[in-house]
C-alpha atoms as a PDB file:
ATOM      1  CA  MET A   1     -47.984 -17.020 -28.827  1.00  0.00           C
ATOM      2  CA  PHE A   2     -45.261 -15.682 -27.811  1.00  0.00           C
ATOM      3  CA  PHE A   3     -42.284 -13.896 -30.742  1.00  0.00           C
ATOM      4  CA  ILE A   4     -39.230 -13.162 -30.387  1.00  0.00           C
ATOM      5  CA  THR A   5     -38.832 -10.583 -32.481  1.00  0.00           C
ATOM      6  CA  GLN A   6     -35.208 -10.791 -35.035  1.00  0.00           C
ATOM      7  CA  LYS A   7     -33.772  -7.729 -33.053  1.00  0.00           C
ATOM      8  CA  THR A   8     -34.526  -9.160 -29.049  1.00  0.00           C
ATOM      9  CA  LYS A   9     -32.348 -12.371 -30.453  1.00  0.00           C
ATOM     10  CA  ILE A  10     -29.563 -10.254 -31.571  1.00  0.00           C
ATOM     11  CA  ILE A  11     -29.711  -7.957 -28.503  1.00  0.00           C
ATOM     12  CA  LEU A  12     -29.818 -11.743 -26.481  1.00  0.00           C
ATOM     13  CA  ILE A  13     -27.218 -13.084 -28.158  1.00  0.00           C
ATOM     14  CA  ILE A  14     -25.260  -9.854 -27.198  1.00  0.00           C
ATOM     15  CA  PHE A  15     -26.003 -10.197 -23.595  1.00  0.00           C
ATOM     16  CA  PHE A  16     -25.416 -13.464 -23.152  1.00  0.00           C
ATOM     17  CA  ILE A  17     -21.755 -12.751 -25.336  1.00  0.00           C
ATOM     18  CA  LEU A  18     -20.533  -9.833 -22.688  1.00  0.00           C
ATOM     19  CA  THR A  19     -21.863 -11.587 -19.532  1.00  0.00           C
ATOM     20  CA  TYR A  20     -19.392 -14.443 -20.967  1.00  0.00           C
ATOM     21  CA  THR A  21     -16.512 -12.193 -21.720  1.00  0.00           C
ATOM     22  CA  SER A  22     -16.894  -9.874 -18.425  1.00  0.00           C
ATOM     23  CA  ASN A  23     -17.219 -13.560 -16.392  1.00  0.00           C
ATOM     24  CA  TYR A  24     -13.518 -14.565 -18.251  1.00  0.00           C
ATOM     25  CA  ILE A  25     -11.614 -11.688 -17.839  1.00  0.00           C
ATOM     26  CA  GLN A  26     -12.417 -10.895 -13.921  1.00  0.00           C
ATOM     27  CA  SER A  27     -11.535 -14.678 -13.756  1.00  0.00           C
ATOM     28  CA  TYR A  28      -8.355 -14.351 -15.510  1.00  0.00           C
ATOM     29  CA  ALA A  29      -7.798 -11.131 -13.416  1.00  0.00           C
ATOM     30  CA  GLN A  30      -7.988 -12.203 -10.158  1.00  0.00           C
ATOM     31  CA  GLU A  31      -5.841 -15.809 -11.594  1.00  0.00           C
ATOM     32  CA  ASP A  32      -3.118 -12.845 -12.134  1.00  0.00           C
ATOM     33  CA  VAL A  33      -3.305 -11.634  -9.029  1.00  0.00           C
ATOM     34  CA  ASN A  34      -3.195 -14.919  -6.800  1.00  0.00           C
ATOM     35  CA  ASN A  35       0.204 -16.080  -9.058  1.00  0.00           C
ATOM     36  CA  VAL A  36       2.509 -13.200  -8.961  1.00  0.00           C
ATOM     37  CA  ILE A  37       3.318 -13.632  -5.521  1.00  0.00           C
ATOM     38  CA  ASP A  38       3.808 -17.346  -6.405  1.00  0.00           C
ATOM     39  CA  ASN A  39       5.884 -16.829  -9.207  1.00  0.00           C
ATOM     40  CA  ILE A  40       8.611 -15.613  -7.127  1.00  0.00           C
ATOM     41  CA  LYS A  41      11.360 -17.913  -6.726  1.00  0.00           C
ATOM     42  CA  LYS A  42      15.040 -17.002  -4.649  1.00  0.00           C
ATOM     43  CA  GLU A  43      17.424 -17.424  -6.939  1.00  0.00           C
ATOM     44  CA  HIS A  44      20.105 -19.956  -5.821  1.00  0.00           C
ATOM     45  CA  LYS A  45      21.675 -20.880  -9.073  1.00  0.00           C
ATOM     46  CA  ILE A  46      23.655 -17.377  -9.943  1.00  0.00           C
ATOM     47  CA  VAL A  47      25.019 -15.565  -6.719  1.00  0.00           C
ATOM     48  CA  SER A  48      26.278 -12.182  -8.170  1.00  0.00           C
ATOM     49  CA  LEU A  49      25.201 -10.410 -11.271  1.00  0.00           C
ATOM     50  CA  LYS A  50      28.604 -10.929 -13.624  1.00  0.00           C
ATOM     51  CA  ASN A  51      30.579  -7.592 -14.955  1.00  0.00           C
ATOM     52  CA  PHE A  52      28.832  -7.687 -18.916  1.00  0.00           C
ATOM     53  CA  THR A  53      28.863  -5.187 -21.655  1.00  0.00           C
ATOM     54  CA  LEU A  54      24.952  -4.850 -22.976  1.00  0.00           C
ATOM     55  CA  ILE A  55      24.062  -3.643 -26.497  1.00  0.00           C
ATOM     56  CA  ASN A  56      21.287  -0.256 -26.200  1.00  0.00           C
ATOM     57  CA  LEU A  57      19.621   0.335 -29.320  1.00  0.00           C
ATOM     58  CA  LYS A  58      21.853   2.455 -30.727  1.00  0.00           C
ATOM     59  CA  GLY A  59      24.576  -0.360 -30.801  1.00  0.00           C
ATOM     60  CA  GLU A  60      26.543   1.239 -27.978  1.00  0.00           C
ATOM     61  CA  LYS A  61      28.046  -1.113 -25.065  1.00  0.00           C
ATOM     62  CA  VAL A  62      27.696  -0.401 -21.860  1.00  0.00           C
ATOM     63  CA  ASN A  63      28.194  -2.224 -18.742  1.00  0.00           C
ATOM     64  CA  ILE A  64      25.803  -3.479 -16.128  1.00  0.00           C
ATOM     65  CA  ARG A  65      27.734  -1.966 -13.830  1.00  0.00           C
ATOM     66  CA  ASP A  66      28.088   1.518 -15.132  1.00  0.00           C
ATOM     67  CA  LEU A  67      24.242   0.542 -14.890  1.00  0.00           C
ATOM     68  CA  GLN A  68      23.967   0.166 -10.830  1.00  0.00           C
ATOM     69  CA  ARG A  69      26.696   2.857 -10.357  1.00  0.00           C
ATOM     70  CA  GLU A  70      24.881   4.742  -7.695  1.00  0.00           C
ATOM     71  CA  LYS A  71      24.118   1.649  -5.730  1.00  0.00           C
ATOM     72  CA  TYR A  72      20.646   1.388  -6.896  1.00  0.00           C
ATOM     73  CA  LYS A  73      19.048  -2.383  -7.680  1.00  0.00           C
ATOM     74  CA  LEU A  74      18.035  -3.194 -10.860  1.00  0.00           C
ATOM     75  CA  ILE A  75      14.821  -5.014 -12.526  1.00  0.00           C
ATOM     76  CA  ILE A  76      16.444  -7.481 -14.820  1.00  0.00           C
ATOM     77  CA  ASN A  77      13.758  -8.241 -17.515  1.00  0.00           C
ATOM     78  CA  PHE A  78      14.059 -10.753 -20.352  1.00  0.00           C
ATOM     79  CA  TRP A  79      11.931 -10.334 -23.264  1.00  0.00           C
ATOM     80  CA  ALA A  80      10.676 -10.360 -26.923  1.00  0.00           C
ATOM     81  CA  LEU A  81       8.825  -9.273 -29.464  1.00  0.00           C
ATOM     82  CA  TRP A  82       7.702 -12.534 -30.956  1.00  0.00           C
ATOM     83  CA  CYS A  83       6.439 -13.628 -26.992  1.00  0.00           C
ATOM     84  CA  ALA A  84       2.420 -12.820 -26.083  1.00  0.00           C
ATOM     85  CA  PRO A  85       3.249 -12.794 -22.663  1.00  0.00           C
ATOM     86  CA  CYS A  86       6.281 -10.056 -22.971  1.00  0.00           C
ATOM     87  CA  ILE A  87       4.890  -7.718 -24.863  1.00  0.00           C
ATOM     88  CA  LYS A  88       1.323  -7.998 -22.052  1.00  0.00           C
ATOM     89  CA  GLU A  89       3.898  -7.162 -19.901  1.00  0.00           C
ATOM     90  CA  LEU A  90       6.415  -4.213 -20.604  1.00  0.00           C
ATOM     91  CA  PRO A  91       3.859  -1.827 -20.539  1.00  0.00           C
ATOM     92  CA  ASN A  92       3.076  -2.743 -16.952  1.00  0.00           C
ATOM     93  CA  LEU A  93       6.318  -3.044 -15.632  1.00  0.00           C
ATOM     94  CA  SER A  94       7.199   0.735 -18.114  1.00  0.00           C
ATOM     95  CA  ARG A  95       4.398   1.926 -15.294  1.00  0.00           C
ATOM     96  CA  LEU A  96       6.321  -0.119 -12.409  1.00  0.00           C
ATOM     97  CA  SER A  97       9.249   1.221 -12.973  1.00  0.00           C
ATOM     98  CA  LYS A  98       8.152   5.193 -12.428  1.00  0.00           C
ATOM     99  CA  VAL A  99       6.220   3.985  -9.713  1.00  0.00           C
ATOM    100  CA  ILE A 100       8.596   2.255  -7.488  1.00  0.00           C
ATOM    101  CA  LYS A 101      11.994   4.381  -8.681  1.00  0.00           C
ATOM    102  CA  GLU A 102      11.532   6.558  -5.887  1.00  0.00           C
ATOM    103  CA  HIS A 103      13.203   3.078  -3.972  1.00  0.00           C
ATOM    104  CA  ASP A 104      16.059   2.844  -5.798  1.00  0.00           C
ATOM    105  CA  PHE A 105      14.791   0.424  -8.412  1.00  0.00           C
ATOM    106  CA  LYS A 106      16.459   0.926 -12.001  1.00  0.00           C
ATOM    107  CA  PHE A 107      14.678  -1.138 -14.739  1.00  0.00           C
ATOM    108  CA  ILE A 108      17.158  -3.238 -17.514  1.00  0.00           C
ATOM    109  CA  TYR A 109      14.222  -4.952 -20.337  1.00  0.00           C
ATOM    110  CA  ILE A 110      16.880  -7.310 -21.971  1.00  0.00           C
ATOM    111  CA  ASN A 111      15.376  -7.950 -25.397  1.00  0.00           C
ATOM    112  CA  GLN A 112      16.149 -11.544 -26.640  1.00  0.00           C
ATOM    113  CA  ASP A 113      15.535 -10.610 -30.607  1.00  0.00           C
ATOM    114  CA  SER A 114      17.648 -10.966 -33.123  1.00  0.00           C
ATOM    115  CA  LYS A 115      19.286  -7.290 -34.290  1.00  0.00           C
ATOM    116  CA  LYS A 116      18.189  -7.114 -37.416  1.00  0.00           C
ATOM    117  CA  ASP A 117      14.266  -6.502 -35.607  1.00  0.00           C
ATOM    118  CA  PHE A 118      15.650  -3.857 -33.789  1.00  0.00           C
ATOM    119  CA  LYS A 119      14.139  -1.427 -36.163  1.00  0.00           C
ATOM    120  CA  ARG A 120      10.153  -3.091 -34.716  1.00  0.00           C
ATOM    121  CA  ILE A 121      12.138  -3.405 -31.632  1.00  0.00           C
ATOM    122  CA  ILE A 122      12.395   1.072 -31.611  1.00  0.00           C
ATOM    123  CA  LYS A 123       8.970   1.194 -33.271  1.00  0.00           C
ATOM    124  CA  PHE A 124       6.451  -1.121 -30.458  1.00  0.00           C
ATOM    125  CA  LEU A 125       8.871   0.733 -27.376  1.00  0.00           C
ATOM    126  CA  GLU A 126       7.539   3.923 -28.918  1.00  0.00           C
ATOM    127  CA  GLU A 127       4.081   3.309 -29.598  1.00  0.00           C
ATOM    128  CA  LYS A 128       4.348   1.922 -26.307  1.00  0.00           C
ATOM    129  CA  LYS A 129       5.868   5.257 -24.436  1.00  0.00           C
ATOM    130  CA  ILE A 130       8.812   3.067 -22.849  1.00  0.00           C
ATOM    131  CA  ASP A 131      12.058   4.160 -22.192  1.00  0.00           C
ATOM    132  CA  LYS A 132      13.814   2.944 -24.508  1.00  0.00           C
ATOM    133  CA  ASN A 133      17.168   4.473 -22.861  1.00  0.00           C
ATOM    134  CA  MET A 134      16.953   0.885 -20.856  1.00  0.00           C
ATOM    135  CA  VAL A 135      16.473  -1.522 -23.407  1.00  0.00           C
ATOM    136  CA  PHE A 136      19.080  -3.582 -24.234  1.00  0.00           C
ATOM    137  CA  VAL A 137      19.470  -6.553 -27.282  1.00  0.00           C
ATOM    138  CA  ASP A 138      21.196 -10.028 -26.231  1.00  0.00           C
ATOM    139  CA  PRO A 139      21.288 -10.691 -30.249  1.00  0.00           C
ATOM    140  CA  THR A 140      22.857 -13.780 -29.318  1.00  0.00           C
ATOM    141  CA  MET A 141      21.412 -14.781 -25.880  1.00  0.00           C
ATOM    142  CA  ARG A 142      24.449 -14.857 -24.300  1.00  0.00           C
ATOM    143  CA  ILE A 143      23.476 -12.852 -21.682  1.00  0.00           C
ATOM    144  CA  ALA A 144      20.380 -14.970 -21.351  1.00  0.00           C
ATOM    145  CA  ARG A 145      22.743 -17.947 -21.003  1.00  0.00           C
ATOM    146  CA  GLU A 146      25.081 -16.630 -18.325  1.00  0.00           C
ATOM    147  CA  PHE A 147      20.658 -16.000 -16.606  1.00  0.00           C
ATOM    148  CA  LYS A 148      20.467 -20.152 -16.631  1.00  0.00           C
ATOM    149  CA  LEU A 149      17.087 -18.433 -18.820  1.00  0.00           C
ATOM    150  CA  ARG A 150      14.299 -21.491 -18.777  1.00  0.00           C
ATOM    151  CA  GLY A 151      12.013 -19.289 -20.878  1.00  0.00           C
ATOM    152  CA  ILE A 152      10.458 -15.306 -21.143  1.00  0.00           C
ATOM    153  CA  PRO A 153       8.921 -13.850 -19.646  1.00  0.00           C
ATOM    154  CA  THR A 154      11.602 -13.808 -16.980  1.00  0.00           C
ATOM    155  CA  THR A 155      12.643 -11.335 -14.915  1.00  0.00           C
ATOM    156  CA  PHE A 156      15.902 -10.880 -11.829  1.00  0.00           C
ATOM    157  CA  ILE A 157      15.417  -8.983  -8.454  1.00  0.00           C
ATOM    158  CA  VAL A 158      18.996  -7.357  -8.069  1.00  0.00           C
ATOM    159  CA  ASP A 159      20.017  -5.788  -4.743  1.00  0.00           C
ATOM    160  CA  GLU A 160      22.518  -2.910  -4.561  1.00  0.00           C
ATOM    161  CA  ASN A 161      25.286  -4.908  -3.449  1.00  0.00           C
ATOM    162  CA  SER A 162      25.195  -6.969  -7.551  1.00  0.00           C
ATOM    163  CA  LYS A 163      23.167  -9.536  -5.822  1.00  0.00           C
ATOM    164  CA  ILE A 164      21.056 -11.653  -7.471  1.00  0.00           C
ATOM    165  CA  ASP A 165      17.783 -12.312  -5.175  1.00  0.00           C
ATOM    166  CA  TRP A 166      15.038 -13.347  -6.608  1.00  0.00           C
ATOM    167  CA  ARG A 167      13.574 -14.866 -10.322  1.00  0.00           C
ATOM    168  CA  ILE A 168       9.897 -13.764 -11.530  1.00  0.00           C
ATOM    169  CA  GLU A 169       9.377 -16.783 -14.511  1.00  0.00           C
ATOM    170  CA  GLY A 170       6.257 -15.460 -15.569  1.00  0.00           C
ATOM    171  CA  VAL A 171       3.898 -12.188 -16.457  1.00  0.00           C
ATOM    172  CA  ILE A 172       4.200  -9.945 -13.190  1.00  0.00           C
ATOM    173  CA  ASN A 173       0.688  -7.848 -12.892  1.00  0.00           C
ATOM    174  CA  SER A 174       1.673  -4.279 -11.539  1.00  0.00           C
ATOM    175  CA  ASN A 175      -1.434  -3.059 -11.873  1.00  0.00           C
ATOM    176  CA  ASN A 176      -1.098  -5.685  -9.192  1.00  0.00           C
ATOM    177  CA  THR A 177      -0.184  -3.550  -5.855  1.00  0.00           C
ATOM    178  CA  LYS A 178       0.628  -6.681  -3.785  1.00  0.00           C
ATOM    179  CA  PHE A 179       3.611  -7.312  -6.088  1.00  0.00           C
ATOM    180  CA  LEU A 180       4.360  -3.618  -5.061  1.00  0.00           C
ATOM    181  CA  ASP A 181       3.945  -4.699  -1.760  1.00  0.00           C
ATOM    182  CA  TRP A 182       6.075  -7.545  -2.322  1.00  0.00           C
ATOM    183  CA  LEU A 183       9.003  -5.646  -3.191  1.00  0.00           C
ATOM    184  CA  LYS A 184       8.471  -2.577  -0.723  1.00  0.00           C
ATOM    185  CA  GLU A 185       8.360  -4.951   2.267  1.00  0.00           C
ATOM    186  CA  LYS A 186      11.538  -6.893   1.144  1.00  0.00           C
ATOM    187  CA  TYR A 187      13.801  -4.051   0.010  1.00  0.00           C
ATOM    188  CA  LYS A 188      13.150  -1.333   3.137  1.00  0.00           C
END
């Protein structure tokens, strides 16, 4: 007769759990890769970037056109601490911002949390090593209304002439080179 020891049972259970988890993660990652380009839509609702004022994490007002003064293309991302997909996406976008800086892109992150969450926002950004200088807040959601947001995370790509070209609803996986290649191709 063949007896399975307790130790063998535990090893088999761990093996099956790891196999299942690995397959799930791979299928999820593949789904991310396939959807990144599908989520990019030509923006027709908003023609150009209005000249509005942002509030930085020091409470200072900053004009959005001043951020674009040197003819940068802007990538504007709307996010919040309570949004799990946003939290997943932000560190990836931060890495992407460093890669595409040489192509004259500038990232702006607009947070949708309330003013009372400033300290939590700063703590999160410091933990994730995200540049706080490009993070702004929209506690009244005035800017979100201007951009006609339907949900977050949502990202807009604005050309150097302040024309809003593209809307991306959902998570951008910057580990996926498809998005970076697409971006470089569109803005040669």
